[in-house]
C-alpha atoms as a PDB file:
ATOM      1  CA  MET A   1       9.912  52.191 -57.399  1.00  0.00           C
ATOM      2  CA  THR A   2      12.983  51.246 -59.389  1.00  0.00           C
ATOM      3  CA  THR A   3      13.519  49.325 -62.618  1.00  0.00           C
ATOM      4  CA  ALA A   4      14.872  46.393 -60.613  1.00  0.00           C
ATOM      5  CA  GLN A   5      11.725  46.296 -58.459  1.00  0.00           C
ATOM      6  CA  ASP A   6       9.544  46.494 -61.565  1.00  0.00           C
ATOM      7  CA  LEU A   7      11.531  43.631 -63.109  1.00  0.00           C
ATOM      8  CA  MET A   8      11.159  41.555 -59.957  1.00  0.00           C
ATOM      9  CA  ILE A   9       7.377  42.029 -59.985  1.00  0.00           C
ATOM     10  CA  VAL A  10       7.124  41.262 -63.703  1.00  0.00           C
ATOM     11  CA  SER A  11       9.204  38.101 -63.253  1.00  0.00           C
ATOM     12  CA  LEU A  12       6.587  36.864 -60.761  1.00  0.00           C
ATOM     13  CA  ASP A  13       3.465  38.050 -62.591  1.00  0.00           C
ATOM     14  CA  VAL A  14       4.302  36.895 -66.111  1.00  0.00           C
ATOM     15  CA  THR A  15       4.130  33.158 -66.772  1.00  0.00           C
ATOM     16  CA  PRO A  16       7.175  32.239 -68.892  1.00  0.00           C
ATOM     17  CA  ALA A  17       7.482  29.155 -71.091  1.00  0.00           C
ATOM     18  CA  HIS A  18      10.258  27.935 -68.800  1.00  0.00           C
ATOM     19  CA  PRO A  19      11.010  28.760 -65.136  1.00  0.00           C
ATOM     20  CA  VAL A  20      13.157  31.867 -64.713  1.00  0.00           C
ATOM     21  CA  GLU A  21      16.598  30.908 -63.399  1.00  0.00           C
ATOM     22  CA  GLN A  22      17.805  32.855 -60.361  1.00  0.00           C
ATOM     23  CA  GLY A  23      21.232  33.472 -61.909  1.00  0.00           C
ATOM     24  CA  GLU A  24      19.824  35.087 -65.046  1.00  0.00           C
ATOM     25  CA  LEU A  25      17.342  37.114 -63.023  1.00  0.00           C
ATOM     26  CA  SER A  26      20.088  38.306 -60.659  1.00  0.00           C
ATOM     27  CA  LEU A  27      22.237  39.520 -63.571  1.00  0.00           C
ATOM     28  CA  ALA A  28      19.245  41.298 -65.112  1.00  0.00           C
ATOM     29  CA  LEU A  29      18.418  42.937 -61.765  1.00  0.00           C
ATOM     30  CA  ALA A  30      21.999  44.199 -61.522  1.00  0.00           C
ATOM     31  CA  GLY A  31      21.620  45.604 -65.029  1.00  0.00           C
ATOM     32  CA  ALA A  32      18.366  47.295 -64.025  1.00  0.00           C
ATOM     33  CA  GLU A  33      20.128  48.922 -61.076  1.00  0.00           C
ATOM     34  CA  LEU A  34      22.946  50.145 -63.275  1.00  0.00           C
ATOM     35  CA  VAL A  35      20.547  51.644 -65.831  1.00  0.00           C
ATOM     36  CA  ASP A  36      18.778  53.617 -63.085  1.00  0.00           C
ATOM     37  CA  LEU A  37      22.015  54.755 -61.441  1.00  0.00           C
ATOM     38  CA  VAL A  38      23.562  55.881 -64.704  1.00  0.00           C
ATOM     39  CA  GLY A  39      20.340  57.642 -65.666  1.00  0.00           C
ATOM     40  CA  ALA A  40      20.388  59.543 -62.365  1.00  0.00           C
ATOM     41  CA  GLY A  41      24.079  60.447 -62.683  1.00  0.00           C
ATOM     42  CA  VAL A  42      24.988  58.485 -59.559  1.00  0.00           C
ATOM     43  CA  LEU A  43      27.271  56.282 -61.656  1.00  0.00           C
ATOM     44  CA  VAL A  44      28.852  57.134 -64.996  1.00  0.00           C
ATOM     45  CA  LEU A  45      30.045  54.873 -67.792  1.00  0.00           C
ATOM     46  CA  ASP A  46      33.479  55.825 -69.059  1.00  0.00           C
ATOM     47  CA  GLY A  47      33.447  53.664 -72.148  1.00  0.00           C
ATOM     48  CA  ASP A  48      32.588  50.315 -70.621  1.00  0.00           C
ATOM     49  CA  ARG A  49      33.946  51.208 -67.165  1.00  0.00           C
ATOM     50  CA  VAL A  50      31.636  51.888 -64.209  1.00  0.00           C
ATOM     51  CA  THR A  51      32.824  55.017 -62.409  1.00  0.00           C
ATOM     52  CA  PRO A  52      31.358  57.182 -59.610  1.00  0.00           C
ATOM     53  CA  GLY A  53      29.151  60.094 -60.630  1.00  0.00           C
ATOM     54  CA  ALA A  54      28.416  63.423 -58.965  1.00  0.00           C
ATOM     55  CA  ALA A  55      24.785  62.834 -57.981  1.00  0.00           C
ATOM     56  CA  PRO A  56      23.964  61.763 -54.399  1.00  0.00           C
ATOM     57  CA  ALA A  57      23.108  58.168 -53.540  1.00  0.00           C
ATOM     58  CA  PRO A  58      19.431  57.245 -53.964  1.00  0.00           C
ATOM     59  CA  ALA A  59      17.085  56.668 -51.036  1.00  0.00           C
ATOM     60  CA  ASP A  60      16.260  53.081 -51.990  1.00  0.00           C
ATOM     61  CA  PRO A  61      18.493  50.846 -49.790  1.00  0.00           C
ATOM     62  CA  LEU A  62      19.422  48.258 -52.420  1.00  0.00           C
ATOM     63  CA  LEU A  63      20.015  50.900 -55.073  1.00  0.00           C
ATOM     64  CA  ALA A  64      22.141  52.882 -52.617  1.00  0.00           C
ATOM     65  CA  GLU A  65      24.142  49.713 -51.943  1.00  0.00           C
ATOM     66  CA  ALA A  66      24.688  49.304 -55.680  1.00  0.00           C
ATOM     67  CA  ALA A  67      25.725  52.958 -55.990  1.00  0.00           C
ATOM     68  CA  ALA A  68      28.483  52.422 -53.447  1.00  0.00           C
ATOM     69  CA  SER A  69      29.958  49.456 -55.285  1.00  0.00           C
ATOM     70  CA  PRO A  70      32.164  50.769 -58.142  1.00  0.00           C
ATOM     71  CA  ALA A  71      35.471  49.074 -57.499  1.00  0.00           C
ATOM     72  CA  ARG A  72      39.038  49.052 -58.666  1.00  0.00           C
ATOM     73  CA  ARG A  73      41.523  46.405 -57.608  1.00  0.00           C
ATOM     74  CA  GLU A  74      44.303  48.921 -56.928  1.00  0.00           C
ATOM     75  CA  PRO A  75      44.304  52.762 -56.870  1.00  0.00           C
ATOM     76  CA  HIS A  76      46.230  52.954 -60.136  1.00  0.00           C
ATOM     77  CA  GLU A  77      44.106  50.361 -61.944  1.00  0.00           C
ATOM     78  CA  PRO A  78      40.945  51.136 -63.942  1.00  0.00           C
ATOM     79  CA  TYR A  79      37.448  50.682 -62.580  1.00  0.00           C
ATOM     80  CA  GLU A  80      35.557  47.485 -63.360  1.00  0.00           C
ATOM     81  CA  SER A  81      33.983  46.916 -66.737  1.00  0.00           C
ATOM     82  CA  VAL A  82      30.193  46.814 -66.906  1.00  0.00           C
ATOM     83  CA  GLU A  83      30.225  43.024 -67.184  1.00  0.00           C
ATOM     84  CA  GLU A  84      32.584  42.637 -64.225  1.00  0.00           C
ATOM     85  CA  TRP A  85      30.340  44.927 -62.203  1.00  0.00           C
ATOM     86  CA  LEU A  86      27.267  42.874 -63.170  1.00  0.00           C
ATOM     87  CA  TRP A  87      28.867  39.598 -62.093  1.00  0.00           C
ATOM     88  CA  ARG A  88      29.941  40.970 -58.733  1.00  0.00           C
ATOM     89  CA  ARG A  89      26.807  42.943 -57.958  1.00  0.00           C
ATOM     90  CA  GLY A  90      24.489  40.258 -59.284  1.00  0.00           C
ATOM     91  CA  ARG A  91      25.601  37.507 -56.926  1.00  0.00           C
ATOM     92  CA  GLY A  92      22.470  36.442 -55.011  1.00  0.00           C
ATOM     93  CA  LEU A  93      20.663  39.645 -56.003  1.00  0.00           C
ATOM     94  CA  ALA A  94      17.318  37.992 -56.805  1.00  0.00           C
ATOM     95  CA  SER A  95      17.151  36.620 -53.252  1.00  0.00           C
ATOM     96  CA  ALA A  96      18.117  40.023 -51.842  1.00  0.00           C
ATOM     97  CA  TYR A  97      15.303  41.734 -53.744  1.00  0.00           C
ATOM     98  CA  ALA A  98      12.775  39.084 -52.742  1.00  0.00           C
ATOM     99  CA  ALA A  99      13.701  39.519 -49.082  1.00  0.00           C
ATOM    100  CA  ARG A 100      13.645  43.323 -49.226  1.00  0.00           C
ATOM    101  CA  MET A 101      10.340  43.490 -51.083  1.00  0.00           C
ATOM    102  CA  GLU A 102       8.744  40.958 -48.752  1.00  0.00           C
ATOM    103  CA  ALA A 103       9.887  43.074 -45.803  1.00  0.00           C
ATOM    104  CA  ASP A 104       8.285  46.228 -47.215  1.00  0.00           C
ATOM    105  CA  GLY A 105       5.079  44.410 -48.175  1.00  0.00           C
ATOM    106  CA  THR A 106       5.454  44.591 -51.964  1.00  0.00           C
ATOM    107  CA  LEU A 107       5.802  40.802 -52.164  1.00  0.00           C
ATOM    108  CA  THR A 108       4.368  38.078 -49.986  1.00  0.00           C
ATOM    109  CA  ARG A 109       4.745  34.356 -49.512  1.00  0.00           C
ATOM    110  CA  PRO A 110       1.633  32.356 -50.436  1.00  0.00           C
ATOM    111  CA  ARG A 111      -0.284  30.902 -47.523  1.00  0.00           C
ATOM    112  CA  GLY A 112      -2.828  28.156 -47.287  1.00  0.00           C
ATOM    113  CA  HIS A 113      -1.590  26.230 -50.317  1.00  0.00           C
ATOM    114  CA  TRP A 114       0.919  23.565 -49.381  1.00  0.00           C
ATOM    115  CA  PHE A 115       2.617  23.237 -52.783  1.00  0.00           C
ATOM    116  CA  ALA A 116       2.938  26.995 -53.350  1.00  0.00           C
ATOM    117  CA  ALA A 117       4.283  27.557 -49.871  1.00  0.00           C
ATOM    118  CA  ARG A 118       6.758  24.714 -50.255  1.00  0.00           C
ATOM    119  CA  SER A 119       8.035  26.107 -53.570  1.00  0.00           C
ATOM    120  CA  GLY A 120       9.164  29.265 -51.770  1.00  0.00           C
ATOM    121  CA  ARG A 121       8.019  31.427 -54.678  1.00  0.00           C
ATOM    122  CA  SER A 122       6.943  34.932 -53.692  1.00  0.00           C
ATOM    123  CA  GLU A 123       3.866  36.664 -55.071  1.00  0.00           C
ATOM    124  CA  ALA A 124       3.322  40.328 -55.858  1.00  0.00           C
ATOM    125  CA  VAL A 125       0.774  42.057 -53.634  1.00  0.00           C
ATOM    126  CA  ASP A 126      -1.979  44.116 -55.278  1.00  0.00           C
ATOM    127  CA  SER A 127      -0.487  47.563 -54.803  1.00  0.00           C
ATOM    128  CA  PRO A 128       0.409  50.785 -56.659  1.00  0.00           C
ATOM    129  CA  ALA A 129       3.889  49.305 -57.222  1.00  0.00           C
ATOM    130  CA  ARG A 130       2.431  46.250 -58.931  1.00  0.00           C
ATOM    131  CA  ARG A 131       0.100  48.336 -61.069  1.00  0.00           C
ATOM    132  CA  ARG A 132       2.972  50.606 -62.091  1.00  0.00           C
ATOM    133  CA  ALA A 133       5.108  47.628 -63.105  1.00  0.00           C
ATOM    134  CA  ALA A 134       2.169  46.148 -65.030  1.00  0.00           C
ATOM    135  CA  GLU A 135       1.597  49.416 -66.895  1.00  0.00           C
ATOM    136  CA  ARG A 136       5.269  49.695 -67.761  1.00  0.00           C
ATOM    137  CA  TRP A 137       5.277  46.096 -68.974  1.00  0.00           C
ATOM    138  CA  ALA A 138       2.104  46.500 -71.013  1.00  0.00           C
ATOM    139  CA  SER A 139       3.509  49.611 -72.703  1.00  0.00           C
ATOM    140  CA  GLY A 140       6.511  47.650 -73.957  1.00  0.00           C
ATOM    141  CA  GLU A 141       8.975  50.058 -72.339  1.00  0.00           C
ATOM    142  CA  PRO A 142      12.257  48.942 -73.973  1.00  0.00           C
ATOM    143  CA  VAL A 143      14.532  48.800 -70.927  1.00  0.00           C
ATOM    144  CA  LEU A 144      12.176  46.662 -68.844  1.00  0.00           C
ATOM    145  CA  ALA A 145      11.243  44.562 -71.876  1.00  0.00           C
ATOM    146  CA  GLY A 146      14.885  44.019 -72.810  1.00  0.00           C
ATOM    147  CA  LEU A 147      15.947  43.014 -69.313  1.00  0.00           C
ATOM    148  CA  ALA A 148      12.940  40.708 -68.902  1.00  0.00           C
ATOM    149  CA  THR A 149      13.710  39.008 -72.200  1.00  0.00           C
ATOM    150  CA  THR A 150      17.343  38.487 -71.238  1.00  0.00           C
ATOM    151  CA  ALA A 151      16.311  37.078 -67.856  1.00  0.00           C
ATOM    152  CA  GLY A 152      14.021  34.578 -69.577  1.00  0.00           C
ATOM    153  CA  VAL A 153      10.705  36.099 -68.526  1.00  0.00           C
ATOM    154  CA  ARG A 154       9.681  36.099 -72.173  1.00  0.00           C
ATOM    155  CA  GLU A 155      11.204  34.431 -75.206  1.00  0.00           C
ATOM    156  CA  GLU A 156      10.964  37.126 -77.875  1.00  0.00           C
ATOM    157  CA  ARG A 157      14.441  38.281 -78.772  1.00  0.00           C
ATOM    158  CA  GLY A 158      15.683  40.956 -81.117  1.00  0.00           C
ATOM    159  CA  ASP A 159      19.194  41.775 -82.227  1.00  0.00           C
ATOM    160  CA  ASP A 160      18.657  45.533 -82.380  1.00  0.00           C
ATOM    161  CA  PHE A 161      18.038  48.018 -79.584  1.00  0.00           C
ATOM    162  CA  PRO A 162      15.500  50.830 -80.111  1.00  0.00           C
ATOM    163  CA  ALA A 163      17.035  54.081 -81.365  1.00  0.00           C
ATOM    164  CA  SER A 164      15.432  55.882 -78.407  1.00  0.00           C
ATOM    165  CA  LEU A 165      17.873  54.252 -75.967  1.00  0.00           C
ATOM    166  CA  THR A 166      21.021  56.127 -75.011  1.00  0.00           C
ATOM    167  CA  GLU A 167      24.469  54.661 -75.608  1.00  0.00           C
ATOM    168  CA  PRO A 168      25.107  53.922 -71.906  1.00  0.00           C
ATOM    169  CA  VAL A 169      21.797  52.052 -71.620  1.00  0.00           C
ATOM    170  CA  VAL A 170      22.583  50.021 -74.742  1.00  0.00           C
ATOM    171  CA  THR A 171      26.012  49.231 -73.282  1.00  0.00           C
ATOM    172  CA  VAL A 172      24.419  47.918 -70.079  1.00  0.00           C
ATOM    173  CA  LEU A 173      21.737  45.886 -71.850  1.00  0.00           C
ATOM    174  CA  ALA A 174      24.306  44.340 -74.173  1.00  0.00           C
ATOM    175  CA  ALA A 175      26.557  43.473 -71.222  1.00  0.00           C
ATOM    176  CA  VAL A 176      23.659  41.804 -69.394  1.00  0.00           C
ATOM    177  CA  GLY A 177      22.984  39.735 -72.498  1.00  0.00           C
ATOM    178  CA  ASP A 178      26.641  38.711 -72.758  1.00  0.00           C
ATOM    179  CA  ALA A 179      26.782  37.773 -69.056  1.00  0.00           C
ATOM    180  CA  VAL A 180      23.616  35.663 -69.298  1.00  0.00           C
ATOM    181  CA  THR A 181      24.980  33.921 -72.417  1.00  0.00           C
ATOM    182  CA  GLU A 182      28.194  33.141 -70.533  1.00  0.00           C
ATOM    183  CA  LEU A 183      26.251  31.853 -67.531  1.00  0.00           C
ATOM    184  CA  THR A 184      24.190  29.572 -69.767  1.00  0.00           C
ATOM    185  CA  ALA A 185      27.334  28.235 -71.430  1.00  0.00           C
ATOM    186  CA  VAL A 186      28.968  27.518 -68.061  1.00  0.00           C
ATOM    187  CA  ARG A 187      25.838  25.735 -66.853  1.00  0.00           C
ATOM    188  CA  GLN A 188      25.675  23.610 -70.013  1.00  0.00           C
ATOM    189  CA  ARG A 189      29.372  22.768 -69.803  1.00  0.00           C
ATOM    190  CA  ARG A 190      29.007  21.628 -66.201  1.00  0.00           C
ATOM    191  CA  SER A 191      25.996  19.521 -67.144  1.00  0.00           C
ATOM    192  CA  VAL A 192      28.006  17.774 -69.874  1.00  0.00           C
ATOM    193  CA  GLU A 193      30.942  17.234 -67.517  1.00  0.00           C
ATOM    194  CA  ASP A 194      28.660  15.817 -64.815  1.00  0.00           C
ATOM    195  CA  ALA A 195      27.030  13.483 -67.323  1.00  0.00           C
ATOM    196  CA  ALA A 196      30.431  12.281 -68.549  1.00  0.00           C
ATOM    197  CA  PHE A 197      31.528  11.661 -64.950  1.00  0.00           C
ATOM    198  CA  ASP A 198      28.383   9.615 -64.284  1.00  0.00           C
ATOM    199  CA  ASN A 199      29.023   7.557 -67.412  1.00  0.00           C
ATOM    200  CA  VAL A 200      32.556   6.757 -66.247  1.00  0.00           C
ATOM    201  CA  TRP A 201      31.274   5.482 -62.898  1.00  0.00           C
ATOM    202  CA  ARG A 202      28.639   3.338 -64.588  1.00  0.00           C
ATOM    203  CA  GLY A 203      31.474   1.456 -66.286  1.00  0.00           C
ATOM    204  CA  PHE A 204      32.822   0.187 -62.959  1.00  0.00           C
END
């Protein structure tokens, strides 16, 4: 199992104060992938740039897909920043993980309950993968806890990262937080613009 899979399970098992938004979860899943890939040496952070590493691609299909995605616009230009990588990789990633984990039996769609089935929300199957994610969550493991907090799975927030985390991991977690903050700001701005537009039309 990967950190992204653990995060996906936790996002379904933990009941947050507010529904977890797919955009925030997708960005956090991309961050989870990057943490695992950097930890395995498949990708390397050169400052805040995501560059290829020497280690072979992982066996997990989605993680292998992420490993193949460091990009540069032109051969002479630098690789993407961590935040750029998160935005590109994170597009629709929550749906991709739900589909993959449903296909391998880690998640399932609820049956027999009309409202649950209509909501389209997956459920984690009782399995070693679910128990592993639960143990990691219960232990307060800082990477999973930090990503889950940023995704909105829980509301506790702290400004400092544990000293046990390496600099590349801190860089990724901070970038995920910045991307989620930006996404929230864009969503709020659009909401205000839509409300203003509606008010204009009410005047006619």
